[in-house]
Protein backbone atom coordinates (compact mmCIF):
# COMPACT_ATOMS: atom_id res chain seq x y z
CA MET A 1 -33.64 -28.88 16.56
CA ASP A 2 -29.92 -28.95 16.26
CA LEU A 3 -30.18 -29.79 12.38
CA LYS A 4 -26.84 -28.85 10.83
CA GLN A 5 -27.01 -28.21 6.75
CA THR A 6 -24.11 -30.64 5.19
CA GLY A 7 -25.77 -30.32 1.60
CA THR A 8 -27.11 -27.49 -0.03
CA VAL A 9 -29.45 -25.12 1.26
CA ALA A 10 -32.60 -26.87 -0.42
CA GLU A 11 -31.61 -30.17 1.09
CA TYR A 12 -31.31 -28.47 4.67
CA THR A 13 -34.38 -26.45 4.08
CA THR A 14 -36.46 -29.89 3.18
CA GLN A 15 -34.89 -31.66 6.19
CA PHE A 16 -35.65 -28.78 8.69
CA GLN A 17 -39.52 -28.47 7.42
CA ALA A 18 -39.79 -32.36 8.06
CA LEU A 19 -38.80 -31.85 11.29
CA GLN A 20 -40.65 -28.53 11.59
CA PHE A 21 -44.02 -30.87 10.93
CA VAL A 22 -43.32 -33.49 13.29
CA VAL A 23 -42.36 -30.76 16.16
CA THR A 24 -45.77 -28.77 15.79
CA MET A 25 -47.52 -32.35 15.47
CA HIS A 26 -46.40 -32.86 19.15
CA ASN A 27 -46.79 -28.99 20.36
CA PRO A 28 -48.69 -26.60 18.28
CA ASN A 29 -47.78 -23.84 20.34
CA TYR A 30 -44.69 -23.56 18.70
CA ASP A 31 -44.77 -20.64 15.91
CA GLU A 32 -42.60 -19.10 13.04
CA MET A 33 -40.74 -16.96 15.49
CA PHE A 34 -39.46 -19.90 17.25
CA PHE A 35 -38.30 -22.28 14.37
CA THR A 36 -36.64 -19.32 12.47
CA PRO A 37 -33.66 -18.67 14.84
CA HIS A 38 -33.49 -22.87 14.98
CA TYR A 39 -33.29 -22.72 10.76
CA ILE A 40 -30.60 -20.14 10.84
CA ARG A 41 -28.38 -21.40 13.60
CA GLY A 42 -28.22 -24.82 11.43
CA LEU A 43 -27.03 -23.14 8.07
CA LYS A 44 -23.39 -23.44 7.38
CA GLU A 45 -20.99 -20.54 8.68
CA GLU A 46 -20.43 -18.74 5.27
CA ILE A 47 -24.52 -18.20 4.56
CA ARG A 48 -25.54 -17.70 8.00
CA GLY A 49 -23.98 -14.45 8.88
CA THR A 50 -25.68 -12.74 5.77
CA VAL A 51 -29.35 -14.52 6.63
CA GLU A 52 -29.13 -13.20 9.86
CA SER A 53 -27.81 -9.80 8.84
CA GLN A 54 -31.41 -9.49 7.38
CA MET A 55 -33.39 -10.65 9.97
CA PRO A 56 -36.19 -12.88 8.43
CA THR A 57 -39.50 -13.38 10.49
CA THR A 58 -40.23 -16.90 8.86
CA VAL A 59 -38.48 -19.68 7.96
CA HIS A 60 -39.95 -19.61 4.53
CA LYS A 61 -37.93 -15.73 4.18
CA ALA A 62 -34.50 -17.24 5.67
CA SER A 63 -34.67 -19.90 3.60
CA ILE A 64 -34.98 -17.76 0.20
CA THR A 65 -32.10 -15.64 1.46
CA ALA A 66 -30.07 -18.30 2.17
CA LYS A 67 -30.47 -19.86 -1.24
CA VAL A 68 -29.46 -16.62 -2.64
CA GLN A 69 -26.56 -16.61 -0.38
CA GLN A 70 -25.78 -20.01 -1.44
CA GLY A 71 -25.99 -19.40 -4.98
CA VAL A 72 -23.10 -16.00 -4.64
CA HIS A 73 -21.05 -18.35 -2.29
CA ASP A 74 -21.31 -21.31 -5.22
CA ARG A 75 -20.38 -18.81 -7.84
CA ASN A 76 -17.61 -17.28 -6.07
CA LYS A 77 -16.23 -20.61 -5.13
CA ALA A 78 -16.27 -21.47 -8.59
CA ARG A 79 -14.76 -18.56 -9.85
CA TYR A 80 -11.61 -18.71 -7.60
CA GLN A 81 -11.45 -22.44 -8.48
CA ARG A 82 -11.43 -21.86 -12.21
CA ASN A 83 -8.60 -19.19 -11.64
CA ALA A 84 -6.66 -21.17 -9.41
CA ASN A 85 -6.97 -24.51 -11.79
CA GLN A 86 -5.86 -22.38 -14.99
CA PRO A 87 -2.21 -22.34 -15.52
CA LYS A 88 -0.74 -19.08 -15.49
CA PRO A 89 0.65 -17.05 -18.68
CA TYR A 90 4.39 -17.13 -18.70
CA MET A 91 5.32 -13.68 -18.46
CA PRO A 92 9.05 -12.68 -18.77
CA PRO A 93 10.36 -11.00 -16.10
CA ARG A 94 10.17 -6.95 -16.62
CA ILE A 95 13.75 -5.22 -17.20
CA GLU A 96 13.64 -1.90 -15.88
CA ASN A 97 15.18 0.83 -18.82
CA LYS A 98 16.09 3.29 -16.40
CA PRO A 99 19.76 4.26 -15.93
CA ALA A 100 21.76 3.04 -12.49
CA PRO A 101 22.25 6.39 -11.09
CA GLN A 102 25.29 7.48 -11.49
CA PRO A 103 27.26 9.14 -8.98
CA THR A 104 27.75 12.86 -9.90
CA SER A 105 30.90 14.75 -10.16
CA LEU A 106 29.60 17.21 -7.61
CA TRP A 107 29.80 14.92 -4.47
CA ARG A 108 33.53 15.95 -3.66
CA ASP A 109 32.44 19.39 -4.23
CA ARG A 110 29.27 18.82 -1.82
CA GLN A 111 31.65 17.09 0.88
CA LEU A 112 33.77 20.20 0.66
CA ARG A 113 31.15 22.77 0.76
CA ASP A 114 29.38 20.99 3.51
CA TYR A 115 32.80 20.77 5.42
CA ARG A 116 33.52 24.52 5.21
CA LYS A 117 29.83 25.51 5.91
CA ALA A 118 29.77 23.47 9.32
CA ASN A 119 33.14 24.78 10.06
CA GLY A 120 32.88 28.63 9.33
CA LEU A 121 35.14 28.34 6.53
CA CYS A 122 35.35 30.28 3.50
CA PHE A 123 33.92 28.26 0.45
CA ASN A 124 36.27 29.21 -2.12
CA CYS A 125 39.80 29.15 -0.16
CA GLY A 126 39.37 27.47 2.98
CA ASP A 127 40.26 30.28 5.28
CA LYS A 128 38.23 31.30 8.39
CA PHE A 129 35.55 33.34 7.12
CA VAL A 130 35.14 37.16 8.42
CA PRO A 131 32.83 39.42 7.14
CA ASP A 132 35.24 41.61 4.97
CA HIS A 133 36.91 38.25 3.96
CA LEU A 134 35.45 38.37 0.01
CA GLU A 135 37.35 41.39 -0.48
CA VAL A 136 40.67 39.78 0.56
CA CYS A 137 39.96 36.38 -0.35
CA PRO A 138 42.89 34.91 -2.71
CA LYS A 139 40.94 32.51 -4.50
CA ARG A 140 37.65 34.01 -4.92
CA ASN A 141 36.97 34.77 -8.82
CA LYS A 142 37.63 38.04 -9.91
CA PRO A 143 36.29 39.67 -13.13
CA GLN A 144 39.62 39.59 -14.62
CA THR A 145 40.23 35.99 -13.96
CA ASN A 146 39.99 33.84 -17.20
CA ALA A 147 40.93 30.43 -16.33
CA LEU A 148 41.00 28.67 -13.09
CA ILE A 149 43.49 25.67 -12.02
CA ILE A 150 42.24 23.55 -9.90
CA ASN A 151 43.97 20.32 -7.95
CA ASP A 152 42.35 17.46 -6.44
CA LEU A 153 44.15 18.59 -3.04
CA ASP A 154 43.02 22.24 -2.86
CA ARG A 155 39.66 22.68 -4.91
CA GLU A 156 38.06 25.95 -5.53
CA LEU A 157 34.25 25.85 -5.49
CA SER A 158 33.31 28.67 -7.89
CA ASP A 159 30.13 30.42 -8.22
CA ASP A 160 29.03 28.21 -10.61
CA VAL A 161 29.98 25.08 -8.48
CA LEU A 162 28.02 26.35 -5.46
CA ASN A 163 24.99 27.25 -7.84
CA GLN A 164 24.82 23.61 -9.36
CA LEU A 165 25.15 22.02 -5.56
CA ALA A 166 22.14 24.37 -4.58
CA ALA A 167 19.91 23.26 -7.82
CA GLU A 168 20.80 19.55 -6.77
CA ASP A 169 19.69 20.29 -3.51
CA THR A 170 16.97 21.42 -4.21
CA LEU A 171 15.93 18.60 -6.66
CA VAL A 172 16.84 15.80 -4.16
CA ARG A 173 14.22 17.68 -1.66
CA LEU A 174 11.85 17.76 -4.22
CA ARG A 175 11.88 14.01 -5.05
CA TRP A 176 12.04 13.27 -1.03
CA ARG A 177 8.57 15.14 -0.68
CA LEU A 178 7.30 13.89 -3.88
CA GLN A 179 7.83 10.40 -2.28
CA GLY A 180 6.41 11.41 0.57
CA GLY A 181 8.85 12.51 3.07
CA GLU A 182 7.41 15.67 4.29
């Protein structure tokens, strides 16, 4: 009763039925409930699980389920081998047409703004910010000012630049959220 499937399900079933006949000739008390688990136990591993899950009550029902499962397994195996043997078509590497992110001219402004904000300084002149400072700030944009002089060492942060920085920061946060950052 330790017969194992080495070929097809049909060959295994024929061998098992011959063995079943010999056993029942010597002891007629064995019924289908005795032989069915032995039949299932001898099936190949890839077929056995599906047959067991069907819980067949006879060897005949188990053999039908095993034949169906073998057909499915053989089709999947053939499909895999056919796909593995076929040469893959040459695909040129994909070139993304996205432009490389250019560092904006606002990075200095952002650093300066963050530094001044962290240290409690005026965004415009860099002096200590107090509640009445905006009225006396020498670099705050006045309505009559028509031109601004900016050098690299003493950078003035105008309202426009601050608004641009705020808009860019908002876009960065939105992108981060859309990418799943929460």
